[in-house]
Amino acid sequence: MNLAFLYTLVSVILMSAVSLLGVFTLSLNADRLKTMVLYLVSFAVGALFGDAFIHLLPEAFEQLGFGIKTSLGVMSGILGFFLLEKFLRWRHCHIVAPEEGHIHPMVTMNLVGDFIHNTIDGMIVGVSYAVSIPIGLTTTLAVLLHEIPQEIGDFGILVHGGLTVRRALFLNLLSSFGALLGALIAFFAGTHAGSMAAMLLPITAGGFIYIAGSDLIPELHHQTELKASVIQFVMITLGIIVMGLLTLLRGG
């Protein structure tokens, strides 16, 4: 087996394992979990916005330029997730707030967005290892540290959207296998993998902006107490700060 591909395979397995971070919540009682999830959703808002504006869009501008191609990619991501949510609501959702046993469309939307994002990460890691093993290793480290805050937020979204903890863990793990798909695409596509990943960057950014802005922030407004609102703001800011700090791994 090609050594670069072997390193890539081990790396994406480690990246997928990060999706199981939510297992630490299994020991929490229902009330504590419910409180924590609301703050995780707040963190997810900051992480999604931070990922879109601090990581994905700058990378898209670097890869695709500042022309209309990048802008159209972002708008296609927003419109695509708008249509996806419309379809899901039309098929399944006839109530506004999640209830027990009811799965909110944000769950599917987040899983789709996360799967695409993980696919991009897998392609980037695969291309990096194709260049050299050291570059692949540093890229894997950057992606792993980048994934930890996002996966924590994703888990909060899935539980808040109506999934049980165990089902949220399982589906989050499934979406993480996008990294394996991306690695396989990079392996078989060779030199074309980089351009394919670049085209997906603004689309994913648009999807994350839509999810955070249209689905998650309105959920946070259901809590109107001053203390809860302040904590929400702090958690959103923390999510942005964490994503910002991760740029240090790339030298800014």
C-alpha atoms as a PDB file:
ATOM      1  CA  MET A   1       0.000   0.000   0.000  1.00  0.00           C
ATOM      2  CA  ASN A   2       1.219   3.520  -0.828  1.00  0.00           C
ATOM      3  CA  LEU A   3       2.841   5.022   2.310  1.00  0.00           C
ATOM      4  CA  ALA A   4       1.170   8.425   1.809  1.00  0.00           C
ATOM      5  CA  PHE A   5      -2.234   6.755   1.496  1.00  0.00           C
ATOM      6  CA  LEU A   6      -1.593   4.699   4.649  1.00  0.00           C
ATOM      7  CA  TYR A   7      -0.800   7.872   6.599  1.00  0.00           C
ATOM      8  CA  THR A   8      -3.900   9.501   5.120  1.00  0.00           C
ATOM      9  CA  LEU A   9      -6.091   6.559   6.151  1.00  0.00           C
ATOM     10  CA  VAL A  10      -4.840   6.637   9.759  1.00  0.00           C
ATOM     11  CA  SER A  11      -5.297  10.414   9.884  1.00  0.00           C
ATOM     12  CA  VAL A  12      -8.918  10.390   8.699  1.00  0.00           C
ATOM     13  CA  ILE A  13      -9.744   7.607  11.187  1.00  0.00           C
ATOM     14  CA  LEU A  14      -8.411   9.848  13.966  1.00  0.00           C
ATOM     15  CA  MET A  15     -10.450  12.748  12.562  1.00  0.00           C
ATOM     16  CA  SER A  16     -13.586  10.590  12.600  1.00  0.00           C
ATOM     17  CA  ALA A  17     -12.944   9.551  16.207  1.00  0.00           C
ATOM     18  CA  VAL A  18     -13.223  13.201  17.259  1.00  0.00           C
ATOM     19  CA  SER A  19     -16.952  13.018  16.459  1.00  0.00           C
ATOM     20  CA  LEU A  20     -17.384  10.783  19.523  1.00  0.00           C
ATOM     21  CA  LEU A  21     -16.463  13.543  21.990  1.00  0.00           C
ATOM     22  CA  GLY A  22     -20.109  13.747  22.990  1.00  0.00           C
ATOM     23  CA  VAL A  23     -19.778  10.357  24.708  1.00  0.00           C
ATOM     24  CA  PHE A  24     -18.657  12.241  27.828  1.00  0.00           C
ATOM     25  CA  THR A  25     -22.233  13.525  28.233  1.00  0.00           C
ATOM     26  CA  LEU A  26     -23.702  10.034  28.689  1.00  0.00           C
ATOM     27  CA  SER A  27     -23.245  10.268  32.458  1.00  0.00           C
ATOM     28  CA  LEU A  28     -25.184  13.550  32.761  1.00  0.00           C
ATOM     29  CA  ASN A  29     -28.788  13.667  33.932  1.00  0.00           C
ATOM     30  CA  ALA A  30     -31.479  15.085  31.657  1.00  0.00           C
ATOM     31  CA  ASP A  31     -31.671  18.547  33.269  1.00  0.00           C
ATOM     32  CA  ARG A  32     -27.915  19.124  33.215  1.00  0.00           C
ATOM     33  CA  LEU A  33     -27.705  17.872  29.634  1.00  0.00           C
ATOM     34  CA  LYS A  34     -30.528  20.193  28.530  1.00  0.00           C
ATOM     35  CA  THR A  35     -28.797  23.198  30.102  1.00  0.00           C
ATOM     36  CA  MET A  36     -25.441  22.259  28.602  1.00  0.00           C
ATOM     37  CA  VAL A  37     -26.915  21.708  25.132  1.00  0.00           C
ATOM     38  CA  LEU A  38     -28.294  25.256  24.991  1.00  0.00           C
ATOM     39  CA  TYR A  39     -24.807  26.593  25.646  1.00  0.00           C
ATOM     40  CA  LEU A  40     -23.289  24.163  23.153  1.00  0.00           C
ATOM     41  CA  VAL A  41     -25.705  25.517  20.533  1.00  0.00           C
ATOM     42  CA  SER A  42     -24.446  29.022  21.375  1.00  0.00           C
ATOM     43  CA  PHE A  43     -20.868  27.803  20.990  1.00  0.00           C
ATOM     44  CA  ALA A  44     -21.850  26.190  17.674  1.00  0.00           C
ATOM     45  CA  VAL A  45     -23.114  29.545  16.367  1.00  0.00           C
ATOM     46  CA  GLY A  46     -19.721  31.114  17.028  1.00  0.00           C
ATOM     47  CA  ALA A  47     -17.846  28.083  15.692  1.00  0.00           C
ATOM     48  CA  LEU A  48     -19.881  27.973  12.469  1.00  0.00           C
ATOM     49  CA  PHE A  49     -19.590  31.716  11.842  1.00  0.00           C
ATOM     50  CA  GLY A  50     -15.917  31.622  12.782  1.00  0.00           C
ATOM     51  CA  ASP A  51     -15.259  28.639  10.538  1.00  0.00           C
ATOM     52  CA  ALA A  52     -17.034  30.310   7.614  1.00  0.00           C
ATOM     53  CA  PHE A  53     -15.528  33.796   7.927  1.00  0.00           C
ATOM     54  CA  ILE A  54     -12.098  33.004   9.412  1.00  0.00           C
ATOM     55  CA  HIS A  55     -11.194  29.720   7.697  1.00  0.00           C
ATOM     56  CA  LEU A  56     -13.365  28.727   4.735  1.00  0.00           C
ATOM     57  CA  LEU A  57     -13.895  32.089   3.006  1.00  0.00           C
ATOM     58  CA  PRO A  58     -10.279  33.314   3.247  1.00  0.00           C
ATOM     59  CA  GLU A  59      -9.146  29.930   1.906  1.00  0.00           C
ATOM     60  CA  ALA A  60     -11.744  30.148  -0.879  1.00  0.00           C
ATOM     61  CA  PHE A  61     -10.559  33.650  -1.825  1.00  0.00           C
ATOM     62  CA  GLU A  62      -6.971  32.396  -1.853  1.00  0.00           C
ATOM     63  CA  GLN A  63      -7.828  29.399  -4.020  1.00  0.00           C
ATOM     64  CA  LEU A  64     -10.492  30.894  -6.301  1.00  0.00           C
ATOM     65  CA  GLY A  65      -9.744  34.621  -6.162  1.00  0.00           C
ATOM     66  CA  PHE A  66     -11.914  37.565  -5.180  1.00  0.00           C
ATOM     67  CA  GLY A  67     -14.101  37.329  -8.271  1.00  0.00           C
ATOM     68  CA  ILE A  68     -17.733  36.418  -8.756  1.00  0.00           C
ATOM     69  CA  LYS A  69     -16.996  32.672  -8.720  1.00  0.00           C
ATOM     70  CA  THR A  70     -16.412  32.718  -4.956  1.00  0.00           C
ATOM     71  CA  SER A  71     -19.432  34.932  -4.292  1.00  0.00           C
ATOM     72  CA  LEU A  72     -21.689  32.694  -6.360  1.00  0.00           C
ATOM     73  CA  GLY A  73     -20.363  29.702  -4.450  1.00  0.00           C
ATOM     74  CA  VAL A  74     -21.344  31.273  -1.111  1.00  0.00           C
ATOM     75  CA  MET A  75     -24.793  32.242  -2.388  1.00  0.00           C
ATOM     76  CA  SER A  76     -25.341  28.792  -3.878  1.00  0.00           C
ATOM     77  CA  GLY A  77     -24.549  27.309  -0.454  1.00  0.00           C
ATOM     78  CA  ILE A  78     -27.086  29.606   1.225  1.00  0.00           C
ATOM     79  CA  LEU A  79     -29.764  28.938  -1.388  1.00  0.00           C
ATOM     80  CA  GLY A  80     -29.035  25.221  -1.415  1.00  0.00           C
ATOM     81  CA  PHE A  81     -29.540  24.901   2.335  1.00  0.00           C
ATOM     82  CA  PHE A  82     -32.647  27.107   2.114  1.00  0.00           C
ATOM     83  CA  LEU A  83     -34.152  24.687  -0.410  1.00  0.00           C
ATOM     84  CA  LEU A  84     -33.077  21.709   1.682  1.00  0.00           C
ATOM     85  CA  GLU A  85     -34.780  23.144   4.755  1.00  0.00           C
ATOM     86  CA  LYS A  86     -37.940  23.955   2.759  1.00  0.00           C
ATOM     87  CA  PHE A  87     -38.058  20.378   1.512  1.00  0.00           C
ATOM     88  CA  LEU A  88     -37.526  18.941   4.979  1.00  0.00           C
ATOM     89  CA  ARG A  89     -40.211  21.166   6.497  1.00  0.00           C
ATOM     90  CA  TRP A  90     -42.619  20.305   3.709  1.00  0.00           C
ATOM     91  CA  ARG A  91     -42.038  16.583   4.205  1.00  0.00           C
ATOM     92  CA  HIS A  92     -41.612  16.252   7.958  1.00  0.00           C
ATOM     93  CA  CYS A  93     -41.923  19.412  10.001  1.00  0.00           C
ATOM     94  CA  HIS A  94     -45.321  20.857  10.878  1.00  0.00           C
ATOM     95  CA  ILE A  95     -44.427  22.426  14.220  1.00  0.00           C
ATOM     96  CA  VAL A  96     -42.082  25.293  15.096  1.00  0.00           C
ATOM     97  CA  ALA A  97     -40.212  24.091  18.189  1.00  0.00           C
ATOM     98  CA  PRO A  98     -38.676  20.653  18.687  1.00  0.00           C
ATOM     99  CA  GLU A  99     -40.728  18.280  20.810  1.00  0.00           C
ATOM    100  CA  GLU A 100     -39.933  14.883  22.206  1.00  0.00           C
ATOM    101  CA  GLY A 101     -39.698  12.392  19.358  1.00  0.00           C
ATOM    102  CA  HIS A 102     -39.711  15.137  16.729  1.00  0.00           C
ATOM    103  CA  ILE A 103     -36.554  15.699  14.677  1.00  0.00           C
ATOM    104  CA  HIS A 104     -36.045  19.313  13.637  1.00  0.00           C
ATOM    105  CA  PRO A 105     -34.817  19.978  10.039  1.00  0.00           C
ATOM    106  CA  MET A 106     -31.688  21.626  11.458  1.00  0.00           C
ATOM    107  CA  VAL A 107     -30.483  18.100  12.346  1.00  0.00           C
ATOM    108  CA  THR A 108     -30.414  16.928   8.734  1.00  0.00           C
ATOM    109  CA  MET A 109     -29.054  20.250   7.509  1.00  0.00           C
ATOM    110  CA  ASN A 110     -26.221  20.176  10.011  1.00  0.00           C
ATOM    111  CA  LEU A 111     -25.363  16.577   9.149  1.00  0.00           C
ATOM    112  CA  VAL A 112     -25.276  17.408   5.426  1.00  0.00           C
ATOM    113  CA  GLY A 113     -23.124  20.491   6.007  1.00  0.00           C
ATOM    114  CA  ASP A 114     -20.796  18.600   8.324  1.00  0.00           C
ATOM    115  CA  PHE A 115     -20.479  15.711   5.857  1.00  0.00           C
ATOM    116  CA  ILE A 116     -19.456  18.103   3.070  1.00  0.00           C
ATOM    117  CA  HIS A 117     -17.032  19.861   5.394  1.00  0.00           C
ATOM    118  CA  ASN A 118     -15.482  16.555   6.494  1.00  0.00           C
ATOM    119  CA  THR A 119     -15.162  15.522   2.854  1.00  0.00           C
ATOM    120  CA  ILE A 120     -13.208  18.706   2.145  1.00  0.00           C
ATOM    121  CA  ASP A 121     -10.990  18.056   5.172  1.00  0.00           C
ATOM    122  CA  GLY A 122     -10.291  14.516   3.964  1.00  0.00           C
ATOM    123  CA  MET A 123      -9.383  15.808   0.499  1.00  0.00           C
ATOM    124  CA  ILE A 124      -7.078  18.458   1.983  1.00  0.00           C
ATOM    125  CA  VAL A 125      -5.323  15.903   4.191  1.00  0.00           C
ATOM    126  CA  GLY A 126      -4.970  13.485   1.264  1.00  0.00           C
ATOM    127  CA  VAL A 127      -3.503  16.161  -1.013  1.00  0.00           C
ATOM    128  CA  SER A 128      -1.114  17.276   1.773  1.00  0.00           C
ATOM    129  CA  TYR A 129       0.271  13.769   2.247  1.00  0.00           C
ATOM    130  CA  ALA A 130       0.694  13.472  -1.510  1.00  0.00           C
ATOM    131  CA  VAL A 131       3.035  16.482  -1.312  1.00  0.00           C
ATOM    132  CA  SER A 132       5.045  15.128   1.645  1.00  0.00           C
ATOM    133  CA  ILE A 133       4.570  13.172   4.881  1.00  0.00           C
ATOM    134  CA  PRO A 134       5.624  16.105   7.155  1.00  0.00           C
ATOM    135  CA  ILE A 135       3.177  18.490   5.467  1.00  0.00           C
ATOM    136  CA  GLY A 136       0.457  15.871   5.800  1.00  0.00           C
ATOM    137  CA  LEU A 137       1.159  15.440   9.506  1.00  0.00           C
ATOM    138  CA  THR A 138       0.997  19.173  10.259  1.00  0.00           C
ATOM    139  CA  THR A 139      -2.175  19.504   8.180  1.00  0.00           C
ATOM    140  CA  THR A 140      -3.747  16.599  10.087  1.00  0.00           C
ATOM    141  CA  LEU A 141      -2.904  18.259  13.412  1.00  0.00           C
ATOM    142  CA  ALA A 142      -4.447  21.522  12.237  1.00  0.00           C
ATOM    143  CA  VAL A 143      -7.612  19.762  11.051  1.00  0.00           C
ATOM    144  CA  LEU A 144      -7.931  17.758  14.293  1.00  0.00           C
ATOM    145  CA  LEU A 145      -7.689  20.873  16.468  1.00  0.00           C
ATOM    146  CA  HIS A 146     -10.084  22.603  14.096  1.00  0.00           C
ATOM    147  CA  GLU A 147     -12.581  19.737  14.323  1.00  0.00           C
ATOM    148  CA  ILE A 148     -12.746  19.495  18.127  1.00  0.00           C
ATOM    149  CA  PRO A 149     -14.720  22.724  18.750  1.00  0.00           C
ATOM    150  CA  GLN A 150     -16.905  22.136  15.708  1.00  0.00           C
ATOM    151  CA  GLU A 151     -17.793  18.565  16.698  1.00  0.00           C
ATOM    152  CA  ILE A 152     -18.680  19.732  20.224  1.00  0.00           C
ATOM    153  CA  GLY A 153     -21.030  22.295  18.730  1.00  0.00           C
ATOM    154  CA  ASP A 154     -22.440  19.809  16.213  1.00  0.00           C
ATOM    155  CA  PHE A 155     -23.293  17.383  18.993  1.00  0.00           C
ATOM    156  CA  GLY A 156     -25.184  20.147  20.813  1.00  0.00           C
ATOM    157  CA  ILE A 157     -27.150  20.957  17.656  1.00  0.00           C
ATOM    158  CA  LEU A 158     -28.158  17.324  17.101  1.00  0.00           C
ATOM    159  CA  VAL A 159     -29.360  16.810  20.684  1.00  0.00           C
ATOM    160  CA  HIS A 160     -31.189  20.144  20.706  1.00  0.00           C
ATOM    161  CA  GLY A 161     -32.798  19.187  17.384  1.00  0.00           C
ATOM    162  CA  GLY A 162     -34.523  16.188  18.950  1.00  0.00           C
ATOM    163  CA  LEU A 163     -32.040  13.301  18.808  1.00  0.00           C
ATOM    164  CA  THR A 164     -31.146  11.135  21.763  1.00  0.00           C
ATOM    165  CA  VAL A 165     -27.541  11.331  22.923  1.00  0.00           C
ATOM    166  CA  ARG A 166     -26.705   7.896  21.507  1.00  0.00           C
ATOM    167  CA  ARG A 167     -28.354   8.606  18.151  1.00  0.00           C
ATOM    168  CA  ALA A 168     -26.614  11.984  17.958  1.00  0.00           C
ATOM    169  CA  LEU A 169     -23.270  10.250  18.562  1.00  0.00           C
ATOM    170  CA  PHE A 170     -24.010   7.629  15.898  1.00  0.00           C
ATOM    171  CA  LEU A 171     -25.114  10.096  13.208  1.00  0.00           C
ATOM    172  CA  ASN A 172     -22.266  12.471  14.021  1.00  0.00           C
ATOM    173  CA  LEU A 173     -19.882   9.542  13.538  1.00  0.00           C
ATOM    174  CA  LEU A 174     -21.509   8.692  10.200  1.00  0.00           C
ATOM    175  CA  SER A 175     -21.120  12.283   8.974  1.00  0.00           C
ATOM    176  CA  SER A 176     -17.452  12.164   9.979  1.00  0.00           C
ATOM    177  CA  PHE A 177     -16.895   9.393   7.428  1.00  0.00           C
ATOM    178  CA  GLY A 178     -17.000  12.164   4.834  1.00  0.00           C
ATOM    179  CA  ALA A 179     -13.306  12.558   5.671  1.00  0.00           C
ATOM    180  CA  LEU A 180     -12.690   9.010   4.446  1.00  0.00           C
ATOM    181  CA  LEU A 181     -14.625   9.742   1.250  1.00  0.00           C
ATOM    182  CA  GLY A 182     -12.570  12.899   0.744  1.00  0.00           C
ATOM    183  CA  ALA A 183      -9.330  10.979   1.252  1.00  0.00           C
ATOM    184  CA  LEU A 184     -10.404   8.391  -1.358  1.00  0.00           C
ATOM    185  CA  ILE A 185     -11.355  11.163  -3.789  1.00  0.00           C
ATOM    186  CA  ALA A 186      -7.930  12.776  -3.279  1.00  0.00           C
ATOM    187  CA  PHE A 187      -6.196   9.425  -3.819  1.00  0.00           C
ATOM    188  CA  PHE A 188      -8.023   8.596  -7.059  1.00  0.00           C
ATOM    189  CA  ALA A 189      -8.365  12.137  -8.430  1.00  0.00           C
ATOM    190  CA  GLY A 190      -4.688  12.949  -7.950  1.00  0.00           C
ATOM    191  CA  THR A 191      -3.829  16.482  -9.069  1.00  0.00           C
ATOM    192  CA  HIS A 192      -7.507  17.367  -9.634  1.00  0.00           C
ATOM    193  CA  ALA A 193      -8.466  16.853  -5.972  1.00  0.00           C
ATOM    194  CA  GLY A 194      -7.201  20.278  -4.897  1.00  0.00           C
ATOM    195  CA  SER A 195      -9.419  22.158  -7.359  1.00  0.00           C
ATOM    196  CA  MET A 196     -12.450  20.031  -6.411  1.00  0.00           C
ATOM    197  CA  ALA A 197     -11.958  20.841  -2.720  1.00  0.00           C
ATOM    198  CA  ALA A 198     -11.505  24.539  -3.540  1.00  0.00           C
ATOM    199  CA  MET A 199     -14.883  24.663  -5.320  1.00  0.00           C
ATOM    200  CA  LEU A 200     -16.621  23.196  -2.261  1.00  0.00           C
ATOM    201  CA  LEU A 201     -15.132  25.751   0.176  1.00  0.00           C
ATOM    202  CA  PRO A 202     -17.478  28.722  -0.521  1.00  0.00           C
ATOM    203  CA  ILE A 203     -20.505  26.412  -0.820  1.00  0.00           C
ATOM    204  CA  THR A 204     -19.798  24.975   2.629  1.00  0.00           C
ATOM    205  CA  ALA A 205     -19.221  28.474   4.027  1.00  0.00           C
ATOM    206  CA  GLY A 206     -22.610  29.584   2.701  1.00  0.00           C
ATOM    207  CA  GLY A 207     -24.265  26.547   4.258  1.00  0.00           C
ATOM    208  CA  PHE A 208     -22.691  27.214   7.655  1.00  0.00           C
ATOM    209  CA  ILE A 209     -23.723  30.884   7.532  1.00  0.00           C
ATOM    210  CA  TYR A 210     -27.296  29.841   6.760  1.00  0.00           C
ATOM    211  CA  ILE A 211     -27.479  27.224   9.528  1.00  0.00           C
ATOM    212  CA  ALA A 212     -26.006  29.537  12.182  1.00  0.00           C
ATOM    213  CA  GLY A 213     -28.009  32.604  11.163  1.00  0.00           C
ATOM    214  CA  SER A 214     -31.423  31.236  10.258  1.00  0.00           C
ATOM    215  CA  ASP A 215     -31.752  28.126  12.450  1.00  0.00           C
ATOM    216  CA  LEU A 216     -29.543  28.394  15.519  1.00  0.00           C
ATOM    217  CA  ILE A 217     -29.722  32.078  16.493  1.00  0.00           C
ATOM    218  CA  PRO A 218     -33.571  32.062  16.523  1.00  0.00           C
ATOM    219  CA  GLU A 219     -33.398  29.047  18.862  1.00  0.00           C
ATOM    220  CA  LEU A 220     -31.264  31.056  21.286  1.00  0.00           C
ATOM    221  CA  HIS A 221     -33.860  33.840  21.408  1.00  0.00           C
ATOM    222  CA  HIS A 222     -36.276  31.470  23.161  1.00  0.00           C
ATOM    223  CA  GLN A 223     -34.208  32.122  26.287  1.00  0.00           C
ATOM    224  CA  THR A 224     -34.852  35.711  27.428  1.00  0.00           C
ATOM    225  CA  GLU A 225     -33.385  35.681  30.940  1.00  0.00           C
ATOM    226  CA  LEU A 226     -30.479  38.096  31.370  1.00  0.00           C
ATOM    227  CA  LYS A 227     -28.077  35.501  32.808  1.00  0.00           C
ATOM    228  CA  ALA A 228     -28.810  32.975  30.063  1.00  0.00           C
ATOM    229  CA  SER A 229     -28.484  35.650  27.370  1.00  0.00           C
ATOM    230  CA  VAL A 230     -25.116  36.779  28.716  1.00  0.00           C
ATOM    231  CA  ILE A 231     -23.823  33.192  28.798  1.00  0.00           C
ATOM    232  CA  GLN A 232     -25.079  32.662  25.237  1.00  0.00           C
ATOM    233  CA  PHE A 233     -23.197  35.761  24.069  1.00  0.00           C
ATOM    234  CA  VAL A 234     -20.042  34.609  25.860  1.00  0.00           C
ATOM    235  CA  MET A 235     -20.280  31.138  24.306  1.00  0.00           C
ATOM    236  CA  ILE A 236     -20.825  32.565  20.808  1.00  0.00           C
ATOM    237  CA  THR A 237     -17.800  34.803  21.292  1.00  0.00           C
ATOM    238  CA  LEU A 238     -15.785  31.867  22.627  1.00  0.00           C
ATOM    239  CA  GLY A 239     -16.627  29.832  19.525  1.00  0.00           C
ATOM    240  CA  ILE A 240     -15.366  32.657  17.300  1.00  0.00           C
ATOM    241  CA  ILE A 241     -12.214  33.132  19.415  1.00  0.00           C
ATOM    242  CA  VAL A 242     -11.359  29.415  19.297  1.00  0.00           C
ATOM    243  CA  MET A 243     -11.703  29.392  15.521  1.00  0.00           C
ATOM    244  CA  GLY A 244      -9.594  32.543  15.334  1.00  0.00           C
ATOM    245  CA  LEU A 245      -6.840  31.061  17.496  1.00  0.00           C
ATOM    246  CA  LEU A 246      -6.610  28.072  15.178  1.00  0.00           C
ATOM    247  CA  THR A 247      -5.251  30.376  12.448  1.00  0.00           C
ATOM    248  CA  LEU A 248      -2.014  30.457  14.472  1.00  0.00           C
ATOM    249  CA  LEU A 249      -1.396  26.916  13.270  1.00  0.00           C
ATOM    250  CA  ARG A 250      -1.169  28.295   9.743  1.00  0.00           C
ATOM    251  CA  GLY A 251       0.802  31.375  10.670  1.00  0.00           C
ATOM    252  CA  GLY A 252      -2.220  33.731  10.499  1.00  0.00           C
END
